[in-house]
Amino acid sequence: MNRASRSIPNYLIRLLPPLAMHNRLPYAIEVKVPTIKYEVRIEAGEKTNIYFLNLLKMHKICVEVFIATDCCTLNLSYL
């Protein structure tokens, strides 16, 4: 057996998500991406990653901020 074929190269592989959402607000937010049927609620101070977003397509991202009983909606679109 060849000793070189058994060695493992010393590489560091890091997978980064196409979209990372960090909620730095003191309120909960809800993120919706209708094109991939994705919805998530992010509480204050939490974060989430979306790994299955195709960046070659246009997506509409809806962010709703929940302040007491009111809700504010922000729609984002990017290429």
PDB file of N, CA and C in Angstrom:
ATOM      1  N   MET A   1       0.836  -1.177   0.000  1.00  0.00           N
ATOM      2  CA  MET A   1       0.000   0.000   0.000  1.00  0.00           C
ATOM      3  C   MET A   1       0.883   1.242   0.000  1.00  0.00           C
ATOM      4  N   ASN A   2       0.498   2.200  -0.782  1.00  0.00           N
ATOM      5  CA  ASN A   2       1.253   3.434  -0.899  1.00  0.00           C
ATOM      6  C   ASN A   2       0.894   4.371   0.251  1.00  0.00           C
ATOM      7  N   ARG A   3       1.866   4.796   1.006  1.00  0.00           N
ATOM      8  CA  ARG A   3       1.633   5.649   2.170  1.00  0.00           C
ATOM      9  C   ARG A   3       1.049   7.014   1.771  1.00  0.00           C
ATOM     10  N   ALA A   4       1.445   7.547   0.625  1.00  0.00           N
ATOM     11  CA  ALA A   4       0.958   8.858   0.184  1.00  0.00           C
ATOM     12  C   ALA A   4      -0.541   8.845  -0.087  1.00  0.00           C
ATOM     13  N   SER A   5      -1.085   7.738  -0.544  1.00  0.00           N
ATOM     14  CA  SER A   5      -2.516   7.684  -0.845  1.00  0.00           C
ATOM     15  C   SER A   5      -3.363   7.655   0.418  1.00  0.00           C
ATOM     16  N   ARG A   6      -2.777   7.344   1.553  1.00  0.00           N
ATOM     17  CA  ARG A   6      -3.519   7.285   2.809  1.00  0.00           C
ATOM     18  C   ARG A   6      -3.505   8.605   3.568  1.00  0.00           C
ATOM     19  N   SER A   7      -2.651   9.529   3.154  1.00  0.00           N
ATOM     20  CA  SER A   7      -2.570  10.795   3.881  1.00  0.00           C
ATOM     21  C   SER A   7      -3.726  11.708   3.477  1.00  0.00           C
ATOM     22  N   ILE A   8      -4.146  12.519   4.410  1.00  0.00           N
ATOM     23  CA  ILE A   8      -5.251  13.449   4.178  1.00  0.00           C
ATOM     24  C   ILE A   8      -4.649  14.844   4.051  1.00  0.00           C
ATOM     25  N   PRO A   9      -4.988  15.574   2.980  1.00  0.00           N
ATOM     26  CA  PRO A   9      -4.443  16.928   2.837  1.00  0.00           C
ATOM     27  C   PRO A   9      -4.973  17.828   3.943  1.00  0.00           C
ATOM     28  N   ASN A  10      -4.207  18.807   4.295  1.00  0.00           N
ATOM     29  CA  ASN A  10      -4.559  19.715   5.372  1.00  0.00           C
ATOM     30  C   ASN A  10      -5.275  20.941   4.795  1.00  0.00           C
ATOM     31  N   TYR A  11      -6.533  20.755   4.375  1.00  0.00           N
ATOM     32  CA  TYR A  11      -7.336  21.834   3.811  1.00  0.00           C
ATOM     33  C   TYR A  11      -8.485  22.150   4.752  1.00  0.00           C
ATOM     34  N   LEU A  12      -8.875  23.388   4.762  1.00  0.00           N
ATOM     35  CA  LEU A  12     -10.039  23.820   5.507  1.00  0.00           C
ATOM     36  C   LEU A  12     -11.091  24.235   4.489  1.00  0.00           C
ATOM     37  N   ILE A  13     -12.228  23.553   4.498  1.00  0.00           N
ATOM     38  CA  ILE A  13     -13.319  23.863   3.574  1.00  0.00           C
ATOM     39  C   ILE A  13     -14.436  24.495   4.388  1.00  0.00           C
ATOM     40  N   ARG A  14     -14.854  25.673   3.957  1.00  0.00           N
ATOM     41  CA  ARG A  14     -15.890  26.400   4.682  1.00  0.00           C
ATOM     42  C   ARG A  14     -17.057  26.650   3.747  1.00  0.00           C
ATOM     43  N   LEU A  15     -18.239  26.181   4.113  1.00  0.00           N
ATOM     44  CA  LEU A  15     -19.445  26.397   3.319  1.00  0.00           C
ATOM     45  C   LEU A  15     -20.200  27.589   3.891  1.00  0.00           C
ATOM     46  N   LEU A  16     -20.421  28.565   3.048  1.00  0.00           N
ATOM     47  CA  LEU A  16     -21.130  29.767   3.472  1.00  0.00           C
ATOM     48  C   LEU A  16     -22.503  29.818   2.811  1.00  0.00           C
ATOM     49  N   PRO A  17     -23.508  30.247   3.556  1.00  0.00           N
ATOM     50  CA  PRO A  17     -24.845  30.312   2.978  1.00  0.00           C
ATOM     51  C   PRO A  17     -24.976  31.488   2.026  1.00  0.00           C
ATOM     52  N   PRO A  18     -25.840  31.362   1.013  1.00  0.00           N
ATOM     53  CA  PRO A  18     -26.085  32.490   0.116  1.00  0.00           C
ATOM     54  C   PRO A  18     -26.754  33.666   0.825  1.00  0.00           C
ATOM     55  N   LEU A  19     -27.534  33.376   1.882  1.00  0.00           N
ATOM     56  CA  LEU A  19     -28.232  34.441   2.595  1.00  0.00           C
ATOM     57  C   LEU A  19     -28.186  34.149   4.092  1.00  0.00           C
ATOM     58  N   ALA A  20     -27.700  35.101   4.855  1.00  0.00           N
ATOM     59  CA  ALA A  20     -27.677  35.016   6.318  1.00  0.00           C
ATOM     60  C   ALA A  20     -28.485  36.186   6.864  1.00  0.00           C
ATOM     61  N   MET A  21     -29.432  35.897   7.714  1.00  0.00           N
ATOM     62  CA  MET A  21     -30.283  36.933   8.296  1.00  0.00           C
ATOM     63  C   MET A  21     -29.982  37.024   9.789  1.00  0.00           C
ATOM     64  N   HIS A  22     -29.579  38.214  10.243  1.00  0.00           N
ATOM     65  CA  HIS A  22     -29.316  38.475  11.653  1.00  0.00           C
ATOM     66  C   HIS A  22     -30.348  39.493  12.132  1.00  0.00           C
ATOM     67  N   ASN A  23     -31.127  39.125  13.122  1.00  0.00           N
ATOM     68  CA  ASN A  23     -32.122  40.050  13.657  1.00  0.00           C
ATOM     69  C   ASN A  23     -31.504  40.796  14.832  1.00  0.00           C
ATOM     70  N   ARG A  24     -31.074  42.012  14.592  1.00  0.00           N
ATOM     71  CA  ARG A  24     -30.480  42.832  15.643  1.00  0.00           C
ATOM     72  C   ARG A  24     -31.510  43.792  16.255  1.00  0.00           C
ATOM     73  N   LEU A  25     -32.762  43.625  15.863  1.00  0.00           N
ATOM     74  CA  LEU A  25     -33.835  44.442  16.415  1.00  0.00           C
ATOM     75  C   LEU A  25     -34.307  43.856  17.745  1.00  0.00           C
ATOM     76  N   PRO A  26     -34.915  44.665  18.584  1.00  0.00           N
ATOM     77  CA  PRO A  26     -35.467  44.127  19.836  1.00  0.00           C
ATOM     78  C   PRO A  26     -36.852  43.490  19.638  1.00  0.00           C
ATOM     79  N   TYR A  27     -37.229  43.252  18.384  1.00  0.00           N
ATOM     80  CA  TYR A  27     -38.530  42.679  18.055  1.00  0.00           C
ATOM     81  C   TYR A  27     -38.340  41.440  17.184  1.00  0.00           C
ATOM     82  N   ALA A  28     -39.341  40.591  17.169  1.00  0.00           N
ATOM     83  CA  ALA A  28     -39.315  39.418  16.284  1.00  0.00           C
ATOM     84  C   ALA A  28     -39.585  39.859  14.853  1.00  0.00           C
ATOM     85  N   ILE A  29     -38.960  39.158  13.892  1.00  0.00           N
ATOM     86  CA  ILE A  29     -39.239  39.412  12.484  1.00  0.00           C
ATOM     87  C   ILE A  29     -39.592  38.088  11.808  1.00  0.00           C
ATOM     88  N   GLU A  30     -40.310  38.189  10.735  1.00  0.00           N
ATOM     89  CA  GLU A  30     -40.650  37.022   9.936  1.00  0.00           C
ATOM     90  C   GLU A  30     -40.121  37.254   8.524  1.00  0.00           C
ATOM     91  N   VAL A  31     -39.353  36.299   8.014  1.00  0.00           N
ATOM     92  CA  VAL A  31     -38.755  36.397   6.687  1.00  0.00           C
ATOM     93  C   VAL A  31     -39.455  35.384   5.785  1.00  0.00           C
ATOM     94  N   LYS A  32     -39.901  35.852   4.622  1.00  0.00           N
ATOM     95  CA  LYS A  32     -40.578  34.985   3.655  1.00  0.00           C
ATOM     96  C   LYS A  32     -39.913  35.144   2.295  1.00  0.00           C
ATOM     97  N   VAL A  33     -39.631  34.023   1.656  1.00  0.00           N
ATOM     98  CA  VAL A  33     -39.129  34.005   0.279  1.00  0.00           C
ATOM     99  C   VAL A  33     -40.126  33.150  -0.506  1.00  0.00           C
ATOM    100  N   PRO A  34     -41.130  33.780  -1.127  1.00  0.00           N
ATOM    101  CA  PRO A  34     -42.207  33.020  -1.783  1.00  0.00           C
ATOM    102  C   PRO A  34     -41.741  32.120  -2.924  1.00  0.00           C
ATOM    103  N   THR A  35     -40.679  32.493  -3.631  1.00  0.00           N
ATOM    104  CA  THR A  35     -40.252  31.698  -4.784  1.00  0.00           C
ATOM    105  C   THR A  35     -39.755  30.315  -4.385  1.00  0.00           C
ATOM    106  N   ILE A  36     -39.263  30.174  -3.157  1.00  0.00           N
ATOM    107  CA  ILE A  36     -38.806  28.850  -2.706  1.00  0.00           C
ATOM    108  C   ILE A  36     -39.667  28.327  -1.553  1.00  0.00           C
ATOM    109  N   LYS A  37     -40.784  29.015  -1.286  1.00  0.00           N
ATOM    110  CA  LYS A  37     -41.727  28.631  -0.235  1.00  0.00           C
ATOM    111  C   LYS A  37     -41.032  28.485   1.116  1.00  0.00           C
ATOM    112  N   TYR A  38     -40.301  29.521   1.479  1.00  0.00           N
ATOM    113  CA  TYR A  38     -39.532  29.522   2.724  1.00  0.00           C
ATOM    114  C   TYR A  38     -40.084  30.591   3.651  1.00  0.00           C
ATOM    115  N   GLU A  39     -40.357  30.220   4.882  1.00  0.00           N
ATOM    116  CA  GLU A  39     -40.804  31.154   5.910  1.00  0.00           C
ATOM    117  C   GLU A  39     -40.105  30.815   7.213  1.00  0.00           C
ATOM    118  N   VAL A  40     -39.648  31.841   7.905  1.00  0.00           N
ATOM    119  CA  VAL A  40     -39.012  31.623   9.202  1.00  0.00           C
ATOM    120  C   VAL A  40     -39.270  32.837  10.081  1.00  0.00           C
ATOM    121  N   ARG A  41     -39.466  32.580  11.345  1.00  0.00           N
ATOM    122  CA  ARG A  41     -39.604  33.649  12.336  1.00  0.00           C
ATOM    123  C   ARG A  41     -38.295  33.710  13.108  1.00  0.00           C
ATOM    124  N   ILE A  42     -37.724  34.907  13.175  1.00  0.00           N
ATOM    125  CA  ILE A  42     -36.453  35.100  13.866  1.00  0.00           C
ATOM    126  C   ILE A  42     -36.717  36.010  15.071  1.00  0.00           C
ATOM    127  N   GLU A  43     -36.479  35.488  16.234  1.00  0.00           N
ATOM    128  CA  GLU A  43     -36.692  36.271  17.452  1.00  0.00           C
ATOM    129  C   GLU A  43     -35.582  37.307  17.613  1.00  0.00           C
ATOM    130  N   ALA A  44     -35.774  38.233  18.514  1.00  0.00           N
ATOM    131  CA  ALA A  44     -34.808  39.305  18.754  1.00  0.00           C
ATOM    132  C   ALA A  44     -33.439  38.724  19.104  1.00  0.00           C
ATOM    133  N   GLY A  45     -32.403  39.182  18.405  1.00  0.00           N
ATOM    134  CA  GLY A  45     -31.041  38.750  18.675  1.00  0.00           C
ATOM    135  C   GLY A  45     -30.630  37.428  18.049  1.00  0.00           C
ATOM    136  N   GLU A  46     -31.541  36.739  17.360  1.00  0.00           N
ATOM    137  CA  GLU A  46     -31.217  35.454  16.749  1.00  0.00           C
ATOM    138  C   GLU A  46     -30.824  35.631  15.288  1.00  0.00           C
ATOM    139  N   LYS A  47     -30.345  34.543  14.681  1.00  0.00           N
ATOM    140  CA  LYS A  47     -29.981  34.565  13.261  1.00  0.00           C
ATOM    141  C   LYS A  47     -30.369  33.242  12.617  1.00  0.00           C
ATOM    142  N   THR A  48     -30.457  33.276  11.293  1.00  0.00           N
ATOM    143  CA  THR A  48     -30.746  32.073  10.526  1.00  0.00           C
ATOM    144  C   THR A  48     -30.022  32.162   9.191  1.00  0.00           C
ATOM    145  N   ASN A  49     -29.765  31.008   8.612  1.00  0.00           N
ATOM    146  CA  ASN A  49     -29.102  30.924   7.309  1.00  0.00           C
ATOM    147  C   ASN A  49     -30.011  30.207   6.317  1.00  0.00           C
ATOM    148  N   ILE A  50     -29.989  30.661   5.077  1.00  0.00           N
ATOM    149  CA  ILE A  50     -30.743  30.011   4.010  1.00  0.00           C
ATOM    150  C   ILE A  50     -29.721  29.464   3.024  1.00  0.00           C
ATOM    151  N   TYR A  51     -29.594  28.138   2.978  1.00  0.00           N
ATOM    152  CA  TYR A  51     -28.580  27.494   2.143  1.00  0.00           C
ATOM    153  C   TYR A  51     -29.081  27.130   0.749  1.00  0.00           C
ATOM    154  N   PHE A  52     -30.384  27.072   0.541  1.00  0.00           N
ATOM    155  CA  PHE A  52     -30.914  26.580  -0.730  1.00  0.00           C
ATOM    156  C   PHE A  52     -31.481  27.696  -1.599  1.00  0.00           C
ATOM    157  N   LEU A  53     -30.869  28.864  -1.580  1.00  0.00           N
ATOM    158  CA  LEU A  53     -31.293  30.003  -2.384  1.00  0.00           C
ATOM    159  C   LEU A  53     -30.403  30.095  -3.617  1.00  0.00           C
ATOM    160  N   ASN A  54     -31.009  30.046  -4.791  1.00  0.00           N
ATOM    161  CA  ASN A  54     -30.266  30.130  -6.047  1.00  0.00           C
ATOM    162  C   ASN A  54     -30.030  31.601  -6.375  1.00  0.00           C
ATOM    163  N   LEU A  55     -28.783  32.035  -6.311  1.00  0.00           N
ATOM    164  CA  LEU A  55     -28.465  33.440  -6.542  1.00  0.00           C
ATOM    165  C   LEU A  55     -28.483  33.838  -8.005  1.00  0.00           C
ATOM    166  N   LEU A  56     -28.647  32.877  -8.896  1.00  0.00           N
ATOM    167  CA  LEU A  56     -28.737  33.193 -10.321  1.00  0.00           C
ATOM    168  C   LEU A  56     -30.146  33.615 -10.721  1.00  0.00           C
ATOM    169  N   LYS A  57     -31.107  33.460  -9.821  1.00  0.00           N
ATOM    170  CA  LYS A  57     -32.493  33.849 -10.088  1.00  0.00           C
ATOM    171  C   LYS A  57     -32.873  35.021  -9.194  1.00  0.00           C
ATOM    172  N   MET A  58     -33.874  35.787  -9.640  1.00  0.00           N
ATOM    173  CA  MET A  58     -34.378  36.908  -8.857  1.00  0.00           C
ATOM    174  C   MET A  58     -35.365  36.391  -7.814  1.00  0.00           C
ATOM    175  N   HIS A  59     -35.251  36.905  -6.604  1.00  0.00           N
ATOM    176  CA  HIS A  59     -36.139  36.507  -5.521  1.00  0.00           C
ATOM    177  C   HIS A  59     -36.727  37.744  -4.856  1.00  0.00           C
ATOM    178  N   LYS A  60     -37.949  37.608  -4.382  1.00  0.00           N
ATOM    179  CA  LYS A  60     -38.585  38.645  -3.579  1.00  0.00           C
ATOM    180  C   LYS A  60     -38.510  38.168  -2.134  1.00  0.00           C
ATOM    181  N   ILE A  61     -37.935  39.001  -1.281  1.00  0.00           N
ATOM    182  CA  ILE A  61     -37.790  38.660   0.129  1.00  0.00           C
ATOM    183  C   ILE A  61     -38.670  39.612   0.930  1.00  0.00           C
ATOM    184  N   CYS A  62     -39.591  39.062   1.676  1.00  0.00           N
ATOM    185  CA  CYS A  62     -40.489  39.865   2.507  1.00  0.00           C
ATOM    186  C   CYS A  62     -40.037  39.752   3.959  1.00  0.00           C
ATOM    187  N   VAL A  63     -39.865  40.888   4.601  1.00  0.00           N
ATOM    188  CA  VAL A  63     -39.483  40.927   6.010  1.00  0.00           C
ATOM    189  C   VAL A  63     -40.581  41.666   6.763  1.00  0.00           C
ATOM    190  N   GLU A  64     -41.169  41.004   7.742  1.00  0.00           N
ATOM    191  CA  GLU A  64     -42.209  41.618   8.564  1.00  0.00           C
ATOM    192  C   GLU A  64     -41.664  41.797   9.975  1.00  0.00           C
ATOM    193  N   VAL A  65     -41.817  43.001  10.500  1.00  0.00           N
ATOM    194  CA  VAL A  65     -41.358  43.314  11.847  1.00  0.00           C
ATOM    195  C   VAL A  65     -42.584  43.388  12.744  1.00  0.00           C
ATOM    196  N   PHE A  66     -42.561  42.645  13.842  1.00  0.00           N
ATOM    197  CA  PHE A  66     -43.690  42.601  14.761  1.00  0.00           C
ATOM    198  C   PHE A  66     -43.395  43.472  15.971  1.00  0.00           C
ATOM    199  N   ILE A  67     -44.051  44.639  16.012  1.00  0.00           N
ATOM    200  CA  ILE A  67     -43.906  45.574  17.123  1.00  0.00           C
ATOM    201  C   ILE A  67     -45.238  45.592  17.858  1.00  0.00           C
ATOM    202  N   ALA A  68     -45.261  45.029  19.043  1.00  0.00           N
ATOM    203  CA  ALA A  68     -46.486  44.874  19.840  1.00  0.00           C
ATOM    204  C   ALA A  68     -47.509  44.122  18.987  1.00  0.00           C
ATOM    205  N   THR A  69     -48.600  44.765  18.627  1.00  0.00           N
ATOM    206  CA  THR A  69     -49.604  44.105  17.787  1.00  0.00           C
ATOM    207  C   THR A  69     -49.539  44.579  16.343  1.00  0.00           C
ATOM    208  N   ASP A  70     -48.681  45.540  16.055  1.00  0.00           N
ATOM    209  CA  ASP A  70     -48.557  46.069  14.698  1.00  0.00           C
ATOM    210  C   ASP A  70     -47.532  45.260  13.911  1.00  0.00           C
ATOM    211  N   CYS A  71     -47.665  45.316  12.593  1.00  0.00           N
ATOM    212  CA  CYS A  71     -46.740  44.611  11.714  1.00  0.00           C
ATOM    213  C   CYS A  71     -46.336  45.553  10.582  1.00  0.00           C
ATOM    214  N   CYS A  72     -45.029  45.695  10.364  1.00  0.00           N
ATOM    215  CA  CYS A  72     -44.502  46.493   9.264  1.00  0.00           C
ATOM    216  C   CYS A  72     -43.878  45.537   8.243  1.00  0.00           C
ATOM    217  N   THR A  73     -44.151  45.753   6.950  1.00  0.00           N
ATOM    218  CA  THR A  73     -43.636  44.864   5.912  1.00  0.00           C
ATOM    219  C   THR A  73     -42.637  45.606   5.042  1.00  0.00           C
ATOM    220  N   LEU A  74     -41.537  44.929   4.749  1.00  0.00           N
ATOM    221  CA  LEU A  74     -40.494  45.456   3.874  1.00  0.00           C
ATOM    222  C   LEU A  74     -40.241  44.400   2.800  1.00  0.00           C
ATOM    223  N   ASN A  75     -40.367  44.770   1.535  1.00  0.00           N
ATOM    224  CA  ASN A  75     -40.124  43.846   0.428  1.00  0.00           C
ATOM    225  C   ASN A  75     -38.791  44.171  -0.203  1.00  0.00           C
ATOM    226  N   LEU A  76     -37.932  43.179  -0.338  1.00  0.00           N
ATOM    227  CA  LEU A  76     -36.621  43.340  -0.957  1.00  0.00           C
ATOM    228  C   LEU A  76     -36.546  42.479  -2.201  1.00  0.00           C
ATOM    229  N   SER A  77     -35.952  42.994  -3.249  1.00  0.00           N
ATOM    230  CA  SER A  77     -35.711  42.224  -4.463  1.00  0.00           C
ATOM    231  C   SER A  77     -34.275  42.433  -4.874  1.00  0.00           C
ATOM    232  N   TYR A  78     -33.622  41.371  -5.313  1.00  0.00           N
ATOM    233  CA  TYR A  78     -32.256  41.499  -5.783  1.00  0.00           C
ATOM    234  C   TYR A  78     -32.031  40.524  -6.918  1.00  0.00           C
ATOM    235  N   LEU A  79     -30.993  40.760  -7.688  1.00  0.00           N
ATOM    236  CA  LEU A  79     -30.643  39.866  -8.787  1.00  0.00           C
ATOM    237  C   LEU A  79     -29.526  38.953  -8.378  1.00  0.00           C
TER     238      LEU A  79
END
